[in-house]
Each structure stands twice: as C-alpha cells, then as structure tokens.
Amino acid sequence: MTNNSQVVSDTLASITAKASPPVGVSLATVAGVHIHDLVLWATLVYTVLMIGHKIWRIYKDVTKKERPYGYED
C-alpha cells in the first residue's frame, strides 16, 4: 500500500514541473521580454552550466587519489 501524502506530493511536483515553462514564458511576455530573447538566454545559461559540469568532472578525474583499473607505473 502506498503512502497517500507521498503520492499527492509527487503529483503536485509533477504538475508544477509541467506548468512552469508555459507560465514562465507567459509572465515574461507580459513583462515585455520576447520569446527569442528567453530562448537565447536559456541556451546560454544551459551551455555555461554544461561546460562547468564537464570541467568539474575532468578536474575530479584528474585529482582522483586511487588509480584507475589497468593503470601501471
């Protein structure tokens, strides 16, 4: 048997996540920001985040203390 409060919170989170992009675009349009500007800035932020994440992963791999499998001196 599932916990009803867990199901309700999952459903609410799902509905909120699905409604956020259209609501955000609508509010920005009402505020005077054009959709093409939103897409441009969202793409820029996403690209910067992905580059930062990749640099972080490379840094963690380089500074790892243990040797990878198959590594020989």
PDB file of N, CA and C in Angstrom:
ATOM      1  N   MET A   1       0.838  -1.177   0.000  1.00  0.00           N
ATOM      2  CA  MET A   1       0.000   0.000   0.000  1.00  0.00           C
ATOM      3  C   MET A   1       0.885   1.244   0.000  1.00  0.00           C
ATOM      4  N   THR A   2       0.582   2.213  -0.836  1.00  0.00           N
ATOM      5  CA  THR A   2       1.398   3.414  -0.943  1.00  0.00           C
ATOM      6  C   THR A   2       0.927   4.458   0.046  1.00  0.00           C
ATOM      7  N   ASN A   3       1.833   5.328   0.381  1.00  0.00           N
ATOM      8  CA  ASN A   3       1.536   6.425   1.290  1.00  0.00           C
ATOM      9  C   ASN A   3       0.854   7.538   0.489  1.00  0.00           C
ATOM     10  N   ASN A   4      -0.353   7.921   0.899  1.00  0.00           N
ATOM     11  CA  ASN A   4      -1.129   8.913   0.142  1.00  0.00           C
ATOM     12  C   ASN A   4      -0.443  10.268   0.076  1.00  0.00           C
ATOM     13  N   SER A   5       0.187  10.698   1.165  1.00  0.00           N
ATOM     14  CA  SER A   5       0.848  12.006   1.141  1.00  0.00           C
ATOM     15  C   SER A   5       2.011  12.008   0.152  1.00  0.00           C
ATOM     16  N   GLN A   6       2.698  10.872   0.024  1.00  0.00           N
ATOM     17  CA  GLN A   6       3.796  10.771  -0.942  1.00  0.00           C
ATOM     18  C   GLN A   6       3.265  10.865  -2.368  1.00  0.00           C
ATOM     19  N   VAL A   7       2.158  10.203  -2.628  1.00  0.00           N
ATOM     20  CA  VAL A   7       1.550  10.229  -3.958  1.00  0.00           C
ATOM     21  C   VAL A   7       1.087  11.635  -4.294  1.00  0.00           C
ATOM     22  N   VAL A   8       0.469  12.320  -3.331  1.00  0.00           N
ATOM     23  CA  VAL A   8      -0.014  13.681  -3.553  1.00  0.00           C
ATOM     24  C   VAL A   8       1.149  14.624  -3.813  1.00  0.00           C
ATOM     25  N   SER A   9       2.235  14.496  -3.040  1.00  0.00           N
ATOM     26  CA  SER A   9       3.385  15.387  -3.241  1.00  0.00           C
ATOM     27  C   SER A   9       4.053  15.111  -4.578  1.00  0.00           C
ATOM     28  N   ASP A  10       4.138  13.833  -4.980  1.00  0.00           N
ATOM     29  CA  ASP A  10       4.710  13.506  -6.292  1.00  0.00           C
ATOM     30  C   ASP A  10       3.845  14.081  -7.411  1.00  0.00           C
ATOM     31  N   THR A  11       2.543  13.979  -7.259  1.00  0.00           N
ATOM     32  CA  THR A  11       1.633  14.509  -8.265  1.00  0.00           C
ATOM     33  C   THR A  11       1.729  16.020  -8.342  1.00  0.00           C
ATOM     34  N   LEU A  12       1.770  16.681  -7.196  1.00  0.00           N
ATOM     35  CA  LEU A  12       1.890  18.139  -7.164  1.00  0.00           C
ATOM     36  C   LEU A  12       3.205  18.593  -7.789  1.00  0.00           C
ATOM     37  N   ALA A  13       4.290  17.896  -7.488  1.00  0.00           N
ATOM     38  CA  ALA A  13       5.587  18.241  -8.072  1.00  0.00           C
ATOM     39  C   ALA A  13       5.566  18.037  -9.586  1.00  0.00           C
ATOM     40  N   SER A  14       4.933  16.989 -10.033  1.00  0.00           N
ATOM     41  CA  SER A  14       4.840  16.717 -11.465  1.00  0.00           C
ATOM     42  C   SER A  14       4.030  17.794 -12.180  1.00  0.00           C
ATOM     43  N   ILE A  15       2.914  18.166 -11.602  1.00  0.00           N
ATOM     44  CA  ILE A  15       2.072  19.209 -12.199  1.00  0.00           C
ATOM     45  C   ILE A  15       2.813  20.544 -12.229  1.00  0.00           C
ATOM     46  N   THR A  16       3.510  20.866 -11.152  1.00  0.00           N
ATOM     47  CA  THR A  16       4.265  22.121 -11.088  1.00  0.00           C
ATOM     48  C   THR A  16       5.369  22.145 -12.134  1.00  0.00           C
ATOM     49  N   ALA A  17       6.084  21.038 -12.273  1.00  0.00           N
ATOM     50  CA  ALA A  17       7.168  20.972 -13.255  1.00  0.00           C
ATOM     51  C   ALA A  17       6.643  21.101 -14.677  1.00  0.00           C
ATOM     52  N   LYS A  18       5.485  20.526 -14.936  1.00  0.00           N
ATOM     53  CA  LYS A  18       4.915  20.607 -16.281  1.00  0.00           C
ATOM     54  C   LYS A  18       4.363  21.989 -16.586  1.00  0.00           C
ATOM     55  N   ALA A  19       3.897  22.706 -15.569  1.00  0.00           N
ATOM     56  CA  ALA A  19       3.281  24.013 -15.787  1.00  0.00           C
ATOM     57  C   ALA A  19       4.292  25.157 -15.761  1.00  0.00           C
ATOM     58  N   SER A  20       5.460  24.942 -15.215  1.00  0.00           N
ATOM     59  CA  SER A  20       6.429  26.031 -15.045  1.00  0.00           C
ATOM     60  C   SER A  20       6.877  26.689 -16.349  1.00  0.00           C
ATOM     61  N   PRO A  21       7.289  25.944 -17.374  1.00  0.00           N
ATOM     62  CA  PRO A  21       7.740  26.630 -18.597  1.00  0.00           C
ATOM     63  C   PRO A  21       6.674  27.510 -19.255  1.00  0.00           C
ATOM     64  N   PRO A  22       5.453  27.036 -19.452  1.00  0.00           N
ATOM     65  CA  PRO A  22       4.464  27.918 -20.082  1.00  0.00           C
ATOM     66  C   PRO A  22       4.126  29.135 -19.225  1.00  0.00           C
ATOM     67  N   VAL A  23       4.055  28.939 -17.928  1.00  0.00           N
ATOM     68  CA  VAL A  23       3.761  30.066 -17.039  1.00  0.00           C
ATOM     69  C   VAL A  23       4.899  31.075 -17.079  1.00  0.00           C
ATOM     70  N   GLY A  24       6.134  30.601 -17.058  1.00  0.00           N
ATOM     71  CA  GLY A  24       7.287  31.498 -17.117  1.00  0.00           C
ATOM     72  C   GLY A  24       7.337  32.293 -18.408  1.00  0.00           C
ATOM     73  N   VAL A  25       7.062  31.637 -19.530  1.00  0.00           N
ATOM     74  CA  VAL A  25       7.052  32.317 -20.826  1.00  0.00           C
ATOM     75  C   VAL A  25       5.921  33.341 -20.877  1.00  0.00           C
ATOM     76  N   SER A  26       4.766  32.975 -20.372  1.00  0.00           N
ATOM     77  CA  SER A  26       3.633  33.904 -20.377  1.00  0.00           C
ATOM     78  C   SER A  26       3.918  35.131 -19.535  1.00  0.00           C
ATOM     79  N   LEU A  27       4.455  34.926 -18.352  1.00  0.00           N
ATOM     80  CA  LEU A  27       4.770  36.068 -17.482  1.00  0.00           C
ATOM     81  C   LEU A  27       5.855  36.953 -18.089  1.00  0.00           C
ATOM     82  N   ALA A  28       6.857  36.349 -18.695  1.00  0.00           N
ATOM     83  CA  ALA A  28       7.915  37.144 -19.321  1.00  0.00           C
ATOM     84  C   ALA A  28       7.378  37.931 -20.501  1.00  0.00           C
ATOM     85  N   THR A  29       6.494  37.336 -21.283  1.00  0.00           N
ATOM     86  CA  THR A  29       5.902  38.031 -22.424  1.00  0.00           C
ATOM     87  C   THR A  29       5.069  39.212 -21.952  1.00  0.00           C
ATOM     88  N   VAL A  30       4.312  39.012 -20.896  1.00  0.00           N
ATOM     89  CA  VAL A  30       3.528  40.117 -20.332  1.00  0.00           C
ATOM     90  C   VAL A  30       4.455  41.214 -19.819  1.00  0.00           C
ATOM     91  N   ALA A  31       5.615  40.829 -19.275  1.00  0.00           N
ATOM     92  CA  ALA A  31       6.575  41.803 -18.763  1.00  0.00           C
ATOM     93  C   ALA A  31       7.340  42.510 -19.875  1.00  0.00           C
ATOM     94  N   GLY A  32       7.180  42.052 -21.133  1.00  0.00           N
ATOM     95  CA  GLY A  32       7.823  42.734 -22.253  1.00  0.00           C
ATOM     96  C   GLY A  32       9.069  42.066 -22.790  1.00  0.00           C
ATOM     97  N   VAL A  33       9.371  40.881 -22.332  1.00  0.00           N
ATOM     98  CA  VAL A  33      10.537  40.154 -22.835  1.00  0.00           C
ATOM     99  C   VAL A  33      10.071  39.243 -23.961  1.00  0.00           C
ATOM    100  N   HIS A  34      10.757  39.285 -25.085  1.00  0.00           N
ATOM    101  CA  HIS A  34      10.372  38.470 -26.232  1.00  0.00           C
ATOM    102  C   HIS A  34      10.842  37.030 -26.053  1.00  0.00           C
ATOM    103  N   ILE A  35      10.123  36.116 -26.663  1.00  0.00           N
ATOM    104  CA  ILE A  35      10.425  34.698 -26.520  1.00  0.00           C
ATOM    105  C   ILE A  35      11.800  34.370 -27.089  1.00  0.00           C
ATOM    106  N   HIS A  36      12.186  34.992 -28.178  1.00  0.00           N
ATOM    107  CA  HIS A  36      13.507  34.695 -28.750  1.00  0.00           C
ATOM    108  C   HIS A  36      14.617  35.111 -27.798  1.00  0.00           C
ATOM    109  N   ASP A  37      14.405  36.168 -27.017  1.00  0.00           N
ATOM    110  CA  ASP A  37      15.394  36.544 -26.000  1.00  0.00           C
ATOM    111  C   ASP A  37      15.459  35.508 -24.886  1.00  0.00           C
ATOM    112  N   LEU A  38      14.304  34.987 -24.505  1.00  0.00           N
ATOM    113  CA  LEU A  38      14.283  33.942 -23.478  1.00  0.00           C
ATOM    114  C   LEU A  38      15.025  32.702 -23.934  1.00  0.00           C
ATOM    115  N   VAL A  39      14.789  32.298 -25.170  1.00  0.00           N
ATOM    116  CA  VAL A  39      15.464  31.110 -25.699  1.00  0.00           C
ATOM    117  C   VAL A  39      16.969  31.346 -25.780  1.00  0.00           C
ATOM    118  N   LEU A  40      17.361  32.528 -26.206  1.00  0.00           N
ATOM    119  CA  LEU A  40      18.776  32.861 -26.289  1.00  0.00           C
ATOM    120  C   LEU A  40      19.440  32.775 -24.922  1.00  0.00           C
ATOM    121  N   TRP A  41      18.848  33.406 -23.921  1.00  0.00           N
ATOM    122  CA  TRP A  41      19.431  33.406 -22.578  1.00  0.00           C
ATOM    123  C   TRP A  41      19.383  32.024 -21.933  1.00  0.00           C
ATOM    124  N   ALA A  42      18.300  31.289 -22.147  1.00  0.00           N
ATOM    125  CA  ALA A  42      18.216  29.932 -21.591  1.00  0.00           C
ATOM    126  C   ALA A  42      19.282  29.030 -22.200  1.00  0.00           C
ATOM    127  N   THR A  43      19.517  29.176 -23.497  1.00  0.00           N
ATOM    128  CA  THR A  43      20.548  28.384 -24.164  1.00  0.00           C
ATOM    129  C   THR A  43      21.931  28.765 -23.647  1.00  0.00           C
ATOM    130  N   LEU A  44      22.164  30.042 -23.452  1.00  0.00           N
ATOM    131  CA  LEU A  44      23.448  30.500 -22.927  1.00  0.00           C
ATOM    132  C   LEU A  44      23.700  29.953 -21.521  1.00  0.00           C
ATOM    133  N   VAL A  45      22.702  30.053 -20.660  1.00  0.00           N
ATOM    134  CA  VAL A  45      22.848  29.554 -19.288  1.00  0.00           C
ATOM    135  C   VAL A  45      23.069  28.043 -19.298  1.00  0.00           C
ATOM    136  N   TYR A  46      22.302  27.326 -20.100  1.00  0.00           N
ATOM    137  CA  TYR A  46      22.438  25.873 -20.191  1.00  0.00           C
ATOM    138  C   TYR A  46      23.830  25.482 -20.687  1.00  0.00           C
ATOM    139  N   THR A  47      24.326  26.171 -21.694  1.00  0.00           N
ATOM    140  CA  THR A  47      25.653  25.880 -22.237  1.00  0.00           C
ATOM    141  C   THR A  47      26.742  26.130 -21.198  1.00  0.00           C
ATOM    142  N   VAL A  48      26.647  27.242 -20.491  1.00  0.00           N
ATOM    143  CA  VAL A  48      27.638  27.553 -19.454  1.00  0.00           C
ATOM    144  C   VAL A  48      27.593  26.506 -18.339  1.00  0.00           C
ATOM    145  N   LEU A  49      26.399  26.095 -17.947  1.00  0.00           N
ATOM    146  CA  LEU A  49      26.280  25.061 -16.911  1.00  0.00           C
ATOM    147  C   LEU A  49      26.875  23.733 -17.370  1.00  0.00           C
ATOM    148  N   MET A  50      26.638  23.356 -18.609  1.00  0.00           N
ATOM    149  CA  MET A  50      27.175  22.098 -19.116  1.00  0.00           C
ATOM    150  C   MET A  50      28.705  22.153 -19.215  1.00  0.00           C
ATOM    151  N   ILE A  51      29.250  23.289 -19.635  1.00  0.00           N
ATOM    152  CA  ILE A  51      30.706  23.439 -19.690  1.00  0.00           C
ATOM    153  C   ILE A  51      31.286  23.359 -18.290  1.00  0.00           C
ATOM    154  N   GLY A  52      30.671  24.045 -17.336  1.00  0.00           N
ATOM    155  CA  GLY A  52      31.132  23.992 -15.946  1.00  0.00           C
ATOM    156  C   GLY A  52      31.075  22.589 -15.378  1.00  0.00           C
ATOM    157  N   HIS A  53      30.009  21.871 -15.675  1.00  0.00           N
ATOM    158  CA  HIS A  53      29.886  20.491 -15.197  1.00  0.00           C
ATOM    159  C   HIS A  53      30.964  19.603 -15.791  1.00  0.00           C
ATOM    160  N   LYS A  54      31.236  19.766 -17.072  1.00  0.00           N
ATOM    161  CA  LYS A  54      32.266  18.952 -17.729  1.00  0.00           C
ATOM    162  C   LYS A  54      33.649  19.254 -17.159  1.00  0.00           C
ATOM    163  N   ILE A  55      33.938  20.539 -16.921  1.00  0.00           N
ATOM    164  CA  ILE A  55      35.228  20.915 -16.325  1.00  0.00           C
ATOM    165  C   ILE A  55      35.349  20.321 -14.930  1.00  0.00           C
ATOM    166  N   TRP A  56      34.278  20.353 -14.155  1.00  0.00           N
ATOM    167  CA  TRP A  56      34.290  19.786 -12.811  1.00  0.00           C
ATOM    168  C   TRP A  56      34.561  18.278 -12.863  1.00  0.00           C
ATOM    169  N   ARG A  57      33.911  17.576 -13.791  1.00  0.00           N
ATOM    170  CA  ARG A  57      34.120  16.132 -13.904  1.00  0.00           C
ATOM    171  C   ARG A  57      35.560  15.817 -14.306  1.00  0.00           C
ATOM    172  N   ILE A  58      36.118  16.585 -15.226  1.00  0.00           N
ATOM    173  CA  ILE A  58      37.507  16.374 -15.638  1.00  0.00           C
ATOM    174  C   ILE A  58      38.442  16.627 -14.463  1.00  0.00           C
ATOM    175  N   TYR A  59      38.195  17.695 -13.722  1.00  0.00           N
ATOM    176  CA  TYR A  59      39.011  18.020 -12.550  1.00  0.00           C
ATOM    177  C   TYR A  59      38.958  16.896 -11.524  1.00  0.00           C
ATOM    178  N   LYS A  60      37.748  16.371 -11.262  1.00  0.00           N
ATOM    179  CA  LYS A  60      37.613  15.282 -10.293  1.00  0.00           C
ATOM    180  C   LYS A  60      38.345  14.035 -10.769  1.00  0.00           C
ATOM    181  N   ASP A  61      38.308  13.743 -12.059  1.00  0.00           N
ATOM    182  CA  ASP A  61      39.007  12.581 -12.594  1.00  0.00           C
ATOM    183  C   ASP A  61      40.523  12.747 -12.509  1.00  0.00           C
ATOM    184  N   VAL A  62      41.010  13.941 -12.759  1.00  0.00           N
ATOM    185  CA  VAL A  62      42.449  14.191 -12.734  1.00  0.00           C
ATOM    186  C   VAL A  62      42.993  14.140 -11.312  1.00  0.00           C
ATOM    187  N   THR A  63      42.238  14.648 -10.354  1.00  0.00           N
ATOM    188  CA  THR A  63      42.727  14.721  -8.978  1.00  0.00           C
ATOM    189  C   THR A  63      42.340  13.507  -8.140  1.00  0.00           C
ATOM    190  N   LYS A  64      41.799  12.469  -8.773  1.00  0.00           N
ATOM    191  CA  LYS A  64      41.387  11.269  -8.045  1.00  0.00           C
ATOM    192  C   LYS A  64      42.610  10.589  -7.437  1.00  0.00           C
ATOM    193  N   LYS A  65      42.507  10.177  -6.179  1.00  0.00           N
ATOM    194  CA  LYS A  65      43.634   9.573  -5.458  1.00  0.00           C
ATOM    195  C   LYS A  65      43.919   8.142  -5.918  1.00  0.00           C
ATOM    196  N   GLU A  66      42.897   7.346  -6.135  1.00  0.00           N
ATOM    197  CA  GLU A  66      43.122   5.954  -6.493  1.00  0.00           C
ATOM    198  C   GLU A  66      43.386   5.819  -7.993  1.00  0.00           C
ATOM    199  N   ARG A  67      44.145   4.814  -8.352  1.00  0.00           N
ATOM    200  CA  ARG A  67      44.494   4.578  -9.749  1.00  0.00           C
ATOM    201  C   ARG A  67      43.343   3.887 -10.465  1.00  0.00           C
ATOM    202  N   PRO A  68      43.097   4.241 -11.694  1.00  0.00           N
ATOM    203  CA  PRO A  68      42.049   3.548 -12.462  1.00  0.00           C
ATOM    204  C   PRO A  68      42.473   2.100 -12.742  1.00  0.00           C
ATOM    205  N   TYR A  69      41.522   1.253 -13.036  1.00  0.00           N
ATOM    206  CA  TYR A  69      41.786  -0.146 -13.342  1.00  0.00           C
ATOM    207  C   TYR A  69      42.687  -0.249 -14.564  1.00  0.00           C
ATOM    208  N   GLY A  70      43.713  -1.049 -14.436  1.00  0.00           N
ATOM    209  CA  GLY A  70      44.619  -1.281 -15.551  1.00  0.00           C
ATOM    210  C   GLY A  70      45.775  -0.298 -15.624  1.00  0.00           C
ATOM    211  N   TYR A  71      45.839   0.641 -14.696  1.00  0.00           N
ATOM    212  CA  TYR A  71      46.918   1.644 -14.721  1.00  0.00           C
ATOM    213  C   TYR A  71      48.175   1.016 -14.162  1.00  0.00           C
ATOM    214  N   GLU A  72      49.296   1.177 -14.892  1.00  0.00           N
ATOM    215  CA  GLU A  72      50.577   0.663 -14.423  1.00  0.00           C
ATOM    216  C   GLU A  72      51.603   1.790 -14.462  1.00  0.00           C
ATOM    217  N   ASP A  73      52.506   1.792 -13.464  1.00  0.00           N
ATOM    218  CA  ASP A  73      53.574   2.808 -13.425  1.00  0.00           C
ATOM    219  C   ASP A  73      54.653   2.516 -14.398  1.00  0.00           C
TER     220      ASP A  73
END
